[in-house]
Amino acid sequence: LASQGDPSDRAVMIAQTMDPVRCNKGMRVLPDHSFDDHPDLDV
């Protein structure tokens, strides 16, 4: 979308807290937001 000059969407990772999340196969992910501070969501 951005390459076409259109407004681009955004994706954010949200968890209950801002602590790192350890996933099923061991990957660790840092949330962008907690349940208390995320932007309004469409999806």
Full PDB file with SEQRES, HELIX, SHEET, SSBOND, CRYST1, ORIGX, SCALE, CONECT and MASTER records, all heavy atoms in Angstrom:
SEQRES   1 A   43  LEU ALA SER GLN GLY ASP PRO SER ASP ARG ALA VAL MET          
SEQRES   2 A   43  ILE ALA GLN THR MET ASP PRO VAL ARG CYS ASN LYS GLY          
SEQRES   3 A   43  MET ARG VAL LEU PRO ASP HIS SER PHE ASP ASP HIS PRO          
SEQRES   4 A   43  ASP LEU ASP VAL                                              
HELIX    1 AA1 ALA A    2  GLN A    4  5                                   3    
SHEET    1 AA1 2 ILE A  14  ALA A  15  0                                        
SHEET    2 AA1 2 HIS A  33  SER A  34  1                                        
SHEET    1 AA2 2 VAL A  21  ARG A  22  0                                        
SHEET    2 AA2 2 ARG A  28  VAL A  29 -1                                        
CRYST1    1.000    1.000    1.000  90.00  90.00  90.00 P 1           1          
ORIGX1      1.000000  0.000000  0.000000        0.00000                         
ORIGX2      0.000000  1.000000  0.000000        0.00000                         
ORIGX3      0.000000  0.000000  1.000000        0.00000                         
SCALE1      1.000000  0.000000  0.000000        0.00000                         
SCALE2      0.000000  1.000000  0.000000        0.00000                         
SCALE3      0.000000  0.000000  1.000000        0.00000                         
ATOM      1  N   LEU A   1       0.832  -1.204   0.000  1.00  0.00           N  
ATOM      2  CA  LEU A   1       0.000   0.000   0.000  1.00  0.00           C  
ATOM      3  C   LEU A   1       0.867   1.255   0.000  1.00  0.00           C  
ATOM      4  O   LEU A   1       0.621   2.202  -0.764  1.00  0.00           O  
ATOM      5  CB  LEU A   1      -0.925   0.002   1.217  1.00  0.00           C  
ATOM      6  CG  LEU A   1      -2.087  -0.990   1.210  1.00  0.00           C  
ATOM      7  CD1 LEU A   1      -2.720  -1.071   2.592  1.00  0.00           C  
ATOM      8  CD2 LEU A   1      -3.134  -0.592   0.170  1.00  0.00           C  
ATOM      9  N   ALA A   2       1.886   1.271   0.852  1.00  0.00           N  
ATOM     10  CA  ALA A   2       2.771   2.431   0.941  1.00  0.00           C  
ATOM     11  C   ALA A   2       3.490   2.671  -0.386  1.00  0.00           C  
ATOM     12  O   ALA A   2       3.678   3.822  -0.800  1.00  0.00           O  
ATOM     13  CB  ALA A   2       3.772   2.240   2.071  1.00  0.00           C  
ATOM     14  N   SER A   3       3.879   1.594  -1.065  1.00  0.00           N  
ATOM     15  CA  SER A   3       4.581   1.738  -2.343  1.00  0.00           C  
ATOM     16  C   SER A   3       3.687   2.332  -3.428  1.00  0.00           C  
ATOM     17  O   SER A   3       4.182   2.898  -4.400  1.00  0.00           O  
ATOM     18  CB  SER A   3       5.127   0.381  -2.804  1.00  0.00           C  
ATOM     19  OG  SER A   3       4.087  -0.461  -3.287  1.00  0.00           O  
ATOM     20  N   GLN A   4       2.381   2.185  -3.226  1.00  0.00           N  
ATOM     21  CA  GLN A   4       1.413   2.746  -4.172  1.00  0.00           C  
ATOM     22  C   GLN A   4       0.958   4.151  -3.775  1.00  0.00           C  
ATOM     23  O   GLN A   4       0.096   4.741  -4.421  1.00  0.00           O  
ATOM     24  CB  GLN A   4       0.192   1.826  -4.274  1.00  0.00           C  
ATOM     25  CG  GLN A   4       0.508   0.399  -4.679  1.00  0.00           C  
ATOM     26  CD  GLN A   4       1.126   0.317  -6.058  1.00  0.00           C  
ATOM     27  OE1 GLN A   4       0.572   0.812  -7.032  1.00  0.00           O  
ATOM     28  NE2 GLN A   4       2.304  -0.299  -6.149  1.00  0.00           N  
ATOM     29  N   GLY A   5       1.517   4.654  -2.673  1.00  0.00           N  
ATOM     30  CA  GLY A   5       1.136   5.978  -2.195  1.00  0.00           C  
ATOM     31  C   GLY A   5      -0.154   5.999  -1.403  1.00  0.00           C  
ATOM     32  O   GLY A   5      -0.720   7.066  -1.159  1.00  0.00           O  
ATOM     33  N   ASP A   6      -0.620   4.831  -0.976  1.00  0.00           N  
ATOM     34  CA  ASP A   6      -1.866   4.736  -0.207  1.00  0.00           C  
ATOM     35  C   ASP A   6      -1.557   4.657   1.291  1.00  0.00           C  
ATOM     36  O   ASP A   6      -0.473   4.211   1.685  1.00  0.00           O  
ATOM     37  CB  ASP A   6      -2.654   3.491  -0.620  1.00  0.00           C  
ATOM     38  CG  ASP A   6      -3.117   3.564  -2.068  1.00  0.00           C  
ATOM     39  OD1 ASP A   6      -3.496   4.664  -2.506  1.00  0.00           O  
ATOM     40  OD2 ASP A   6      -3.092   2.516  -2.744  1.00  0.00           O  
ATOM     41  N   PRO A   7      -2.511   5.064   2.141  1.00  0.00           N  
ATOM     42  CA  PRO A   7      -2.305   4.907   3.589  1.00  0.00           C  
ATOM     43  C   PRO A   7      -2.109   3.430   3.922  1.00  0.00           C  
ATOM     44  O   PRO A   7      -2.856   2.571   3.438  1.00  0.00           O  
ATOM     45  CB  PRO A   7      -3.605   5.442   4.195  1.00  0.00           C  
ATOM     46  CG  PRO A   7      -4.200   6.315   3.134  1.00  0.00           C  
ATOM     47  CD  PRO A   7      -3.797   5.709   1.824  1.00  0.00           C  
ATOM     48  N   SER A   8      -1.101   3.125   4.720  1.00  0.00           N  
ATOM     49  CA  SER A   8      -0.807   1.724   5.008  1.00  0.00           C  
ATOM     50  C   SER A   8      -1.426   1.295   6.333  1.00  0.00           C  
ATOM     51  O   SER A   8      -1.626   2.107   7.233  1.00  0.00           O  
ATOM     52  CB  SER A   8       0.705   1.484   5.040  1.00  0.00           C  
ATOM     53  OG  SER A   8       1.316   2.260   6.040  1.00  0.00           O  
ATOM     54  N   ASP A   9      -1.746   0.026   6.405  1.00  0.00           N  
ATOM     55  CA  ASP A   9      -2.274  -0.555   7.631  1.00  0.00           C  
ATOM     56  C   ASP A   9      -1.135  -0.745   8.622  1.00  0.00           C  
ATOM     57  O   ASP A   9       0.044  -0.599   8.287  1.00  0.00           O  
ATOM     58  CB  ASP A   9      -2.915  -1.910   7.342  1.00  0.00           C  
ATOM     59  CG  ASP A   9      -4.080  -1.795   6.363  1.00  0.00           C  
ATOM     60  OD1 ASP A   9      -4.703  -0.727   6.306  1.00  0.00           O  
ATOM     61  OD2 ASP A   9      -4.336  -2.788   5.655  1.00  0.00           O  
ATOM     62  N   ARG A  10      -1.491  -1.080   9.865  1.00  0.00           N  
ATOM     63  CA  ARG A  10      -0.456  -1.406  10.845  1.00  0.00           C  
ATOM     64  C   ARG A  10      -0.901  -2.600  11.657  1.00  0.00           C  
ATOM     65  O   ARG A  10      -2.097  -2.848  11.857  1.00  0.00           O  
ATOM     66  CB  ARG A  10      -0.157  -0.223  11.757  1.00  0.00           C  
ATOM     67  CG  ARG A  10      -1.295   0.206  12.658  1.00  0.00           C  
ATOM     68  CD  ARG A  10      -0.828   1.260  13.636  1.00  0.00           C  
ATOM     69  NE  ARG A  10      -1.950   1.861  14.342  1.00  0.00           N  
ATOM     70  CZ  ARG A  10      -1.827   2.586  15.448  1.00  0.00           C  
ATOM     71  NH1 ARG A  10      -0.634   2.802  15.954  1.00  0.00           N  
ATOM     72  NH2 ARG A  10      -2.879   3.094  16.032  1.00  0.00           N  
ATOM     73  N   ALA A  11       0.098  -3.352  12.125  1.00  0.00           N  
ATOM     74  CA  ALA A  11      -0.143  -4.510  12.979  1.00  0.00           C  
ATOM     75  C   ALA A  11       0.633  -4.332  14.268  1.00  0.00           C  
ATOM     76  O   ALA A  11       1.792  -3.906  14.243  1.00  0.00           O  
ATOM     77  CB  ALA A  11       0.285  -5.792  12.279  1.00  0.00           C  
ATOM     78  N   VAL A  12      -0.008  -4.632  15.388  1.00  0.00           N  
ATOM     79  CA  VAL A  12       0.642  -4.528  16.690  1.00  0.00           C  
ATOM     80  C   VAL A  12       0.436  -5.829  17.454  1.00  0.00           C  
ATOM     81  O   VAL A  12      -0.596  -6.487  17.332  1.00  0.00           O  
ATOM     82  CB  VAL A  12       0.102  -3.338  17.517  1.00  0.00           C  
ATOM     83  CG1 VAL A  12       0.474  -2.017  16.862  1.00  0.00           C  
ATOM     84  CG2 VAL A  12      -1.407  -3.427  17.724  1.00  0.00           C  
ATOM     85  N   MET A  13       1.452  -6.194  18.231  1.00  0.00           N  
ATOM     86  CA  MET A  13       1.392  -7.372  19.092  1.00  0.00           C  
ATOM     87  C   MET A  13       0.932  -6.940  20.484  1.00  0.00           C  
ATOM     88  O   MET A  13       1.492  -6.002  21.074  1.00  0.00           O  
ATOM     89  CB  MET A  13       2.765  -8.022  19.205  1.00  0.00           C  
ATOM     90  CG  MET A  13       3.363  -8.462  17.882  1.00  0.00           C  
ATOM     91  SD  MET A  13       2.624  -9.994  17.295  1.00  0.00           S  
ATOM     92  CE  MET A  13       3.781 -10.407  15.980  1.00  0.00           C  
ATOM     93  N   ILE A  14      -0.075  -7.624  21.013  1.00  0.00           N  
ATOM     94  CA  ILE A  14      -0.675  -7.241  22.287  1.00  0.00           C  
ATOM     95  C   ILE A  14      -0.692  -8.442  23.223  1.00  0.00           C  
ATOM     96  O   ILE A  14      -1.109  -9.539  22.840  1.00  0.00           O  
ATOM     97  CB  ILE A  14      -2.111  -6.721  22.084  1.00  0.00           C  
ATOM     98  CG1 ILE A  14      -2.125  -5.544  21.108  1.00  0.00           C  
ATOM     99  CG2 ILE A  14      -2.741  -6.325  23.423  1.00  0.00           C  
ATOM    100  CD1 ILE A  14      -3.521  -5.100  20.698  1.00  0.00           C  
ATOM    101  N   ALA A  15      -0.236  -8.234  24.449  1.00  0.00           N  
ATOM    102  CA  ALA A  15      -0.272  -9.285  25.473  1.00  0.00           C  
ATOM    103  C   ALA A  15      -0.819  -8.705  26.770  1.00  0.00           C  
ATOM    104  O   ALA A  15      -0.983  -7.487  26.899  1.00  0.00           O  
ATOM    105  CB  ALA A  15       1.124  -9.866  25.692  1.00  0.00           C  
ATOM    106  N   GLN A  16      -1.100  -9.571  27.702  1.00  0.00           N  
ATOM    107  CA  GLN A  16      -1.674  -9.119  28.972  1.00  0.00           C  
ATOM    108  C   GLN A  16      -0.731  -8.156  29.694  1.00  0.00           C  
ATOM    109  O   GLN A  16      -1.174  -7.170  30.301  1.00  0.00           O  
ATOM    110  CB  GLN A  16      -1.998 -10.322  29.862  1.00  0.00           C  
ATOM    111  CG  GLN A  16      -2.737  -9.957  31.138  1.00  0.00           C  
ATOM    112  CD  GLN A  16      -3.298 -11.185  31.840  1.00  0.00           C  
ATOM    113  OE1 GLN A  16      -3.509 -12.229  31.233  1.00  0.00           O  
ATOM    114  NE2 GLN A  16      -3.542 -11.068  33.131  1.00  0.00           N  
ATOM    115  N   THR A  17       0.566  -8.442  29.627  1.00  0.00           N  
ATOM    116  CA  THR A  17       1.577  -7.560  30.210  1.00  0.00           C  
ATOM    117  C   THR A  17       2.647  -7.305  29.157  1.00  0.00           C  
ATOM    118  O   THR A  17       2.614  -7.885  28.063  1.00  0.00           O  
ATOM    119  CB  THR A  17       2.225  -8.180  31.459  1.00  0.00           C  
ATOM    120  OG1 THR A  17       3.072  -9.272  31.054  1.00  0.00           O  
ATOM    121  CG2 THR A  17       1.170  -8.676  32.443  1.00  0.00           C  
ATOM    122  N   MET A  18       3.611  -6.477  29.493  1.00  0.00           N  
ATOM    123  CA  MET A  18       4.697  -6.182  28.562  1.00  0.00           C  
ATOM    124  C   MET A  18       5.874  -7.148  28.712  1.00  0.00           C  
ATOM    125  O   MET A  18       6.918  -6.961  28.084  1.00  0.00           O  
ATOM    126  CB  MET A  18       5.172  -4.741  28.772  1.00  0.00           C  
ATOM    127  CG  MET A  18       4.139  -3.697  28.401  1.00  0.00           C  
ATOM    128  SD  MET A  18       3.667  -3.777  26.648  1.00  0.00           S  
ATOM    129  CE  MET A  18       5.186  -3.219  25.873  1.00  0.00           C  
ATOM    130  N   ASP A  19       5.710  -8.185  29.510  1.00  0.00           N  
ATOM    131  CA  ASP A  19       6.773  -9.176  29.653  1.00  0.00           C  
ATOM    132  C   ASP A  19       6.976  -9.936  28.343  1.00  0.00           C  
ATOM    133  O   ASP A  19       6.032 -10.116  27.564  1.00  0.00           O  
ATOM    134  CB  ASP A  19       6.423 -10.177  30.753  1.00  0.00           C  
ATOM    135  CG  ASP A  19       6.368  -9.540  32.132  1.00  0.00           C  
ATOM    136  OD1 ASP A  19       7.020  -8.494  32.317  1.00  0.00           O  
ATOM    137  OD2 ASP A  19       5.667 -10.091  32.999  1.00  0.00           O  
ATOM    138  N   PRO A  20       8.203 -10.417  28.070  1.00  0.00           N  
ATOM    139  CA  PRO A  20       8.423 -11.242  26.883  1.00  0.00           C  
ATOM    140  C   PRO A  20       7.518 -12.478  26.906  1.00  0.00           C  
ATOM    141  O   PRO A  20       7.257 -13.052  27.957  1.00  0.00           O  
ATOM    142  CB  PRO A  20       9.902 -11.638  26.988  1.00  0.00           C  
ATOM    143  CG  PRO A  20      10.517 -10.579  27.842  1.00  0.00           C  
ATOM    144  CD  PRO A  20       9.451 -10.187  28.827  1.00  0.00           C  
ATOM    145  N   VAL A  21       7.055 -12.864  25.740  1.00  0.00           N  
ATOM    146  CA  VAL A  21       6.198 -14.036  25.595  1.00  0.00           C  
ATOM    147  C   VAL A  21       7.034 -15.167  25.011  1.00  0.00           C  
ATOM    148  O   VAL A  21       7.697 -14.994  23.981  1.00  0.00           O  
ATOM    149  CB  VAL A  21       4.999 -13.725  24.675  1.00  0.00           C  
ATOM    150  CG1 VAL A  21       4.200 -14.996  24.385  1.00  0.00           C  
ATOM    151  CG2 VAL A  21       4.108 -12.659  25.303  1.00  0.00           C  
ATOM    152  N   ARG A  22       7.023 -16.311  25.669  1.00  0.00           N  
ATOM    153  CA  ARG A  22       7.724 -17.488  25.145  1.00  0.00           C  
ATOM    154  C   ARG A  22       6.708 -18.360  24.415  1.00  0.00           C  
ATOM    155  O   ARG A  22       5.759 -18.870  25.017  1.00  0.00           O  
ATOM    156  CB  ARG A  22       8.395 -18.272  26.269  1.00  0.00           C  
ATOM    157  CG  ARG A  22       9.227 -19.452  25.760  1.00  0.00           C  
ATOM    158  CD  ARG A  22       9.935 -20.180  26.895  1.00  0.00           C  
ATOM    159  NE  ARG A  22      10.651 -21.341  26.416  1.00  0.00           N  
ATOM    160  CZ  ARG A  22      11.887 -21.309  25.911  1.00  0.00           C  
ATOM    161  NH1 ARG A  22      12.532 -20.165  25.835  1.00  0.00           N  
ATOM    162  NH2 ARG A  22      12.473 -22.421  25.492  1.00  0.00           N  
ATOM    163  N   CYS A  23       6.932 -18.557  23.132  1.00  0.00           N  
ATOM    164  CA  CYS A  23       5.954 -19.248  22.297  1.00  0.00           C  
ATOM    165  C   CYS A  23       6.152 -20.764  22.326  1.00  0.00           C  
ATOM    166  O   CYS A  23       7.055 -21.277  22.987  1.00  0.00           O  
ATOM    167  CB  CYS A  23       6.037 -18.715  20.877  1.00  0.00           C  
ATOM    168  SG  CYS A  23       5.699 -16.938  20.767  1.00  0.00           S  
ATOM    169  N   ASN A  24       5.305 -21.463  21.606  1.00  0.00           N  
ATOM    170  CA  ASN A  24       5.200 -22.917  21.696  1.00  0.00           C  
ATOM    171  C   ASN A  24       6.497 -23.643  21.356  1.00  0.00           C  
ATOM    172  O   ASN A  24       6.835 -24.647  21.975  1.00  0.00           O  
ATOM    173  CB  ASN A  24       4.072 -23.392  20.766  1.00  0.00           C  
ATOM    174  CG  ASN A  24       3.454 -24.692  21.198  1.00  0.00           C  
ATOM    175  OD1 ASN A  24       3.212 -24.918  22.373  1.00  0.00           O  
ATOM    176  ND2 ASN A  24       3.177 -25.551  20.235  1.00  0.00           N  
ATOM    177  N   LYS A  25       7.229 -23.142  20.356  1.00  0.00           N  
ATOM    178  CA  LYS A  25       8.467 -23.787  19.938  1.00  0.00           C  
ATOM    179  C   LYS A  25       9.702 -23.079  20.490  1.00  0.00           C  
ATOM    180  O   LYS A  25      10.818 -23.377  20.082  1.00  0.00           O  
ATOM    181  CB  LYS A  25       8.546 -23.819  18.408  1.00  0.00           C  
ATOM    182  CG  LYS A  25       7.374 -24.500  17.709  1.00  0.00           C  
ATOM    183  CD  LYS A  25       7.312 -25.981  18.005  1.00  0.00           C  
ATOM    184  CE  LYS A  25       6.383 -26.717  17.038  1.00  0.00           C  
ATOM    185  NZ  LYS A  25       5.002 -26.217  17.039  1.00  0.00           N  
ATOM    186  N   GLY A  26       9.503 -22.112  21.388  1.00  0.00           N  
ATOM    187  CA  GLY A  26      10.625 -21.474  22.041  1.00  0.00           C  
ATOM    188  C   GLY A  26      10.937 -20.051  21.608  1.00  0.00           C  
ATOM    189  O   GLY A  26      11.776 -19.389  22.224  1.00  0.00           O  
ATOM    190  N   MET A  27      10.318 -19.574  20.515  1.00  0.00           N  
ATOM    191  CA  MET A  27      10.545 -18.193  20.104  1.00  0.00           C  
ATOM    192  C   MET A  27      10.083 -17.237  21.198  1.00  0.00           C  
ATOM    193  O   MET A  27       9.030 -17.452  21.809  1.00  0.00           O  
ATOM    194  CB  MET A  27       9.768 -17.886  18.817  1.00  0.00           C  
ATOM    195  CG  MET A  27       9.893 -16.455  18.336  1.00  0.00           C  
ATOM    196  SD  MET A  27       8.774 -16.085  16.951  1.00  0.00           S  
ATOM    197  CE  MET A  27       9.572 -16.988  15.631  1.00  0.00           C  
ATOM    198  N   ARG A  28      10.879 -16.198  21.437  1.00  0.00           N  
ATOM    199  CA  ARG A  28      10.496 -15.175  22.409  1.00  0.00           C  
ATOM    200  C   ARG A  28      10.112 -13.906  21.674  1.00  0.00           C  
ATOM    201  O   ARG A  28      10.829 -13.467  20.770  1.00  0.00           O  
ATOM    202  CB  ARG A  28      11.635 -14.905  23.378  1.00  0.00           C  
ATOM    203  CG  ARG A  28      11.984 -16.106  24.243  1.00  0.00           C  
ATOM    204  CD  ARG A  28      13.079 -15.789  25.228  1.00  0.00           C  
ATOM    205  NE  ARG A  28      13.485 -16.981  25.957  1.00  0.00           N  
ATOM    206  CZ  ARG A  28      14.414 -16.982  26.910  1.00  0.00           C  
ATOM    207  NH1 ARG A  28      15.018 -15.847  27.249  1.00  0.00           N  
ATOM    208  NH2 ARG A  28      14.740 -18.098  27.529  1.00  0.00           N  
ATOM    209  N   VAL A  29       9.006 -13.324  22.062  1.00  0.00           N  
ATOM    210  CA  VAL A  29       8.463 -12.158  21.366  1.00  0.00           C  
ATOM    211  C   VAL A  29       8.172 -11.068  22.384  1.00  0.00           C  
ATOM    212  O   VAL A  29       7.650 -11.338  23.474  1.00  0.00           O  
ATOM    213  CB  VAL A  29       7.165 -12.524  20.602  1.00  0.00           C  
ATOM    214  CG1 VAL A  29       6.637 -11.318  19.836  1.00  0.00           C  
ATOM    215  CG2 VAL A  29       7.412 -13.696  19.656  1.00  0.00           C  
ATOM    216  N   LEU A  30       8.492  -9.831  22.018  1.00  0.00           N  
ATOM    217  CA  LEU A  30       8.188  -8.686  22.869  1.00  0.00           C  
ATOM    218  C   LEU A  30       6.895  -8.025  22.395  1.00  0.00           C  
ATOM    219  O   LEU A  30       6.800  -7.635  21.233  1.00  0.00           O  
ATOM    220  CB  LEU A  30       9.333  -7.660  22.816  1.00  0.00           C  
ATOM    221  CG  LEU A  30      10.673  -8.112  23.378  1.00  0.00           C  
ATOM    222  CD1 LEU A  30      11.716  -7.018  23.143  1.00  0.00           C  
ATOM    223  CD2 LEU A  30      10.562  -8.447  24.856  1.00  0.00           C  
ATOM    224  N   PRO A  31       5.909  -7.904  23.250  1.00  0.00           N  
ATOM    225  CA  PRO A  31       4.665  -7.227  22.861  1.00  0.00           C  
ATOM    226  C   PRO A  31       4.925  -5.742  22.585  1.00  0.00           C  
ATOM    227  O   PRO A  31       5.824  -5.129  23.162  1.00  0.00           O  
ATOM    228  CB  PRO A  31       3.753  -7.389  24.084  1.00  0.00           C  
ATOM    229  CG  PRO A  31       4.386  -8.455  24.915  1.00  0.00           C  
ATOM    230  CD  PRO A  31       5.851  -8.407  24.638  1.00  0.00           C  
ATOM    231  N   ASP A  32       4.104  -5.178  21.701  1.00  0.00           N  
ATOM    232  CA  ASP A  32       4.122  -3.724  21.473  1.00  0.00           C  
ATOM    233  C   ASP A  32       3.277  -3.000  22.507  1.00  0.00           C  
ATOM    234  O   ASP A  32       3.562  -1.855  22.860  1.00  0.00           O  
ATOM    235  CB  ASP A  32       3.563  -3.401  20.077  1.00  0.00           C  
ATOM    236  CG  ASP A  32       4.387  -4.010  18.968  1.00  0.00           C  
ATOM    237  OD1 ASP A  32       5.602  -3.746  18.926  1.00  0.00           O  
ATOM    238  OD2 ASP A  32       3.822  -4.765  18.144  1.00  0.00           O  
ATOM    239  N   HIS A  33       2.229  -3.679  22.969  1.00  0.00           N  
ATOM    240  CA  HIS A  33       1.281  -3.055  23.890  1.00  0.00           C  
ATOM    241  C   HIS A  33       0.754  -4.101  24.858  1.00  0.00           C  
ATOM    242  O   HIS A  33       0.761  -5.305  24.576  1.00  0.00           O  
ATOM    243  CB  HIS A  33       0.082  -2.442  23.135  1.00  0.00           C  
ATOM    244  CG  HIS A  33       0.456  -1.385  22.157  1.00  0.00           C  
ATOM    245  ND1 HIS A  33       0.717  -0.085  22.520  1.00  0.00           N  
ATOM    246  CD2 HIS A  33       0.617  -1.439  20.804  1.00  0.00           C  
ATOM    247  CE1 HIS A  33       1.013   0.623  21.443  1.00  0.00           C  
ATOM    248  NE2 HIS A  33       0.959  -0.172  20.398  1.00  0.00           N  
ATOM    249  N   SER A  34       0.249  -3.631  25.984  1.00  0.00           N  
ATOM    250  CA  SER A  34      -0.470  -4.494  26.916  1.00  0.00           C  
ATOM    251  C   SER A  34      -1.970  -4.302  26.705  1.00  0.00           C  
ATOM    252  O   SER A  34      -2.402  -3.470  25.905  1.00  0.00           O  
ATOM    253  CB  SER A  34      -0.095  -4.149  28.360  1.00  0.00           C  
ATOM    254  OG  SER A  34      -0.686  -2.913  28.732  1.00  0.00           O  
ATOM    255  N   PHE A  35      -2.755  -5.063  27.452  1.00  0.00           N  
ATOM    256  CA  PHE A  35      -4.207  -4.914  27.369  1.00  0.00           C  
ATOM    257  C   PHE A  35      -4.659  -3.506  27.742  1.00  0.00           C  
ATOM    258  O   PHE A  35      -5.750  -3.083  27.358  1.00  0.00           O  
ATOM    259  CB  PHE A  35      -4.899  -5.911  28.313  1.00  0.00           C  
ATOM    260  CG  PHE A  35      -4.823  -7.344  27.879  1.00  0.00           C  
ATOM    261  CD1 PHE A  35      -5.259  -8.360  28.718  1.00  0.00           C  
ATOM    262  CD2 PHE A  35      -4.321  -7.708  26.632  1.00  0.00           C  
ATOM    263  CE1 PHE A  35      -5.210  -9.691  28.340  1.00  0.00           C  
ATOM    264  CE2 PHE A  35      -4.257  -9.036  26.238  1.00  0.00           C  
ATOM    265  CZ  PHE A  35      -4.702 -10.026  27.103  1.00  0.00           C  
ATOM    266  N   ASP A  36      -3.836  -2.788  28.478  1.00  0.00           N  
ATOM    267  CA  ASP A  36      -4.237  -1.486  29.006  1.00  0.00           C  
ATOM    268  C   ASP A  36      -3.828  -0.299  28.152  1.00  0.00           C  
ATOM    269  O   ASP A  36      -4.291   0.817  28.401  1.00  0.00           O  
ATOM    270  CB  ASP A  36      -3.648  -1.286  30.417  1.00  0.00           C  
ATOM    271  CG  ASP A  36      -4.153  -2.328  31.397  1.00  0.00           C  
ATOM    272  OD1 ASP A  36      -5.340  -2.694  31.310  1.00  0.00           O  
ATOM    273  OD2 ASP A  36      -3.353  -2.782  32.243  1.00  0.00           O  
ATOM    274  N   ASP A  37      -2.964  -0.510  27.138  1.00  0.00           N  
ATOM    275  CA  ASP A  37      -2.436   0.683  26.459  1.00  0.00           C  
ATOM    276  C   ASP A  37      -2.359   0.573  24.934  1.00  0.00           C  
ATOM    277  O   ASP A  37      -1.593   1.280  24.291  1.00  0.00           O  
ATOM    278  CB  ASP A  37      -1.043   1.026  27.005  1.00  0.00           C  
ATOM    279  CG  ASP A  37       0.025   0.038  26.539  1.00  0.00           C  
ATOM    280  OD1 ASP A  37      -0.324  -1.026  25.978  1.00  0.00           O  
ATOM    281  OD2 ASP A  37       1.218   0.341  26.723  1.00  0.00           O  
ATOM    282  N   HIS A  38      -3.142  -0.301  24.346  1.00  0.00           N  
ATOM    283  CA  HIS A  38      -3.070  -0.482  22.892  1.00  0.00           C  
ATOM    284  C   HIS A  38      -3.971   0.525  22.172  1.00  0.00           C  
ATOM    285  O   HIS A  38      -4.916   1.066  22.760  1.00  0.00           O  
ATOM    286  CB  HIS A  38      -3.476  -1.911  22.512  1.00  0.00           C  
ATOM    287  CG  HIS A  38      -4.862  -2.280  22.931  1.00  0.00           C  
ATOM    288  ND1 HIS A  38      -5.986  -1.927  22.220  1.00  0.00           N  
ATOM    289  CD2 HIS A  38      -5.309  -2.977  24.012  1.00  0.00           C  
ATOM    290  CE1 HIS A  38      -7.055  -2.383  22.818  1.00  0.00           C  
ATOM    291  NE2 HIS A  38      -6.679  -3.020  23.919  1.00  0.00           N  
ATOM    292  N   PRO A  39      -3.713   0.754  20.887  1.00  0.00           N  
ATOM    293  CA  PRO A  39      -4.584   1.643  20.113  1.00  0.00           C  
ATOM    294  C   PRO A  39      -5.932   0.982  19.836  1.00  0.00           C  
ATOM    295  O   PRO A  39      -6.114  -0.215  20.068  1.00  0.00           O  
ATOM    296  CB  PRO A  39      -3.797   1.846  18.812  1.00  0.00           C  
ATOM    297  CG  PRO A  39      -2.959   0.609  18.688  1.00  0.00           C  
ATOM    298  CD  PRO A  39      -2.592   0.223  20.096  1.00  0.00           C  
ATOM    299  N   ASP A  40      -6.868   1.756  19.330  1.00  0.00           N  
ATOM    300  CA  ASP A  40      -8.140   1.188  18.893  1.00  0.00           C  
ATOM    301  C   ASP A  40      -7.879   0.188  17.772  1.00  0.00           C  
ATOM    302  O   ASP A  40      -7.053   0.434  16.880  1.00  0.00           O  
ATOM    303  CB  ASP A  40      -9.077   2.288  18.398  1.00  0.00           C  
ATOM    304  CG  ASP A  40      -9.558   3.195  19.526  1.00  0.00           C  
ATOM    305  OD1 ASP A  40      -9.515   2.763  20.693  1.00  0.00           O  
ATOM    306  OD2 ASP A  40      -9.960   4.336  19.236  1.00  0.00           O  
ATOM    307  N   LEU A  41      -8.590  -0.926  17.809  1.00  0.00           N  
ATOM    308  CA  LEU A  41      -8.354  -2.000  16.860  1.00  0.00           C  
ATOM    309  C   LEU A  41      -9.530  -2.178  15.913  1.00  0.00           C  
ATOM    310  O   LEU A  41     -10.691  -2.073  16.317  1.00  0.00           O  
ATOM    311  CB  LEU A  41      -8.107  -3.320  17.601  1.00  0.00           C  
ATOM    312  CG  LEU A  41      -6.972  -3.329  18.630  1.00  0.00           C  
ATOM    313  CD1 LEU A  41      -6.908  -4.686  19.328  1.00  0.00           C  
ATOM    314  CD2 LEU A  41      -5.634  -2.996  17.980  1.00  0.00           C  
ATOM    315  N   ASP A  42      -9.202  -2.464  14.671  1.00  0.00           N  
ATOM    316  CA  ASP A  42     -10.219  -2.819  13.679  1.00  0.00           C  
ATOM    317  C   ASP A  42     -10.335  -4.331  13.529  1.00  0.00           C  
ATOM    318  O   ASP A  42     -11.398  -4.845  13.195  1.00  0.00           O  
ATOM    319  CB  ASP A  42      -9.860  -2.199  12.323  1.00  0.00           C  
ATOM    320  CG  ASP A  42      -9.740  -0.695  12.386  1.00  0.00           C  
ATOM    321  OD1 ASP A  42     -10.763  -0.040  12.657  1.00  0.00           O  
ATOM    322  OD2 ASP A  42      -8.626  -0.179  12.192  1.00  0.00           O  
ATOM    323  N   VAL A  43      -9.231  -5.019  13.759  1.00  0.00           N  
ATOM    324  CA  VAL A  43      -9.177  -6.472  13.607  1.00  0.00           C  
ATOM    325  C   VAL A  43      -8.430  -7.058  14.801  1.00  0.00           C  
ATOM    326  O   VAL A  43      -7.393  -6.528  15.207  1.00  0.00           O  
ATOM    327  CB  VAL A  43      -8.444  -6.879  12.310  1.00  0.00           C  
ATOM    328  CG1 VAL A  43      -8.394  -8.399  12.169  1.00  0.00           C  
ATOM    329  CG2 VAL A  43      -9.102  -6.250  11.090  1.00  0.00           C  
TER     330      VAL A  43                                                      
MASTER        0    0    0    1    4    0    0    6  329    1    0    4          
END                                                                             
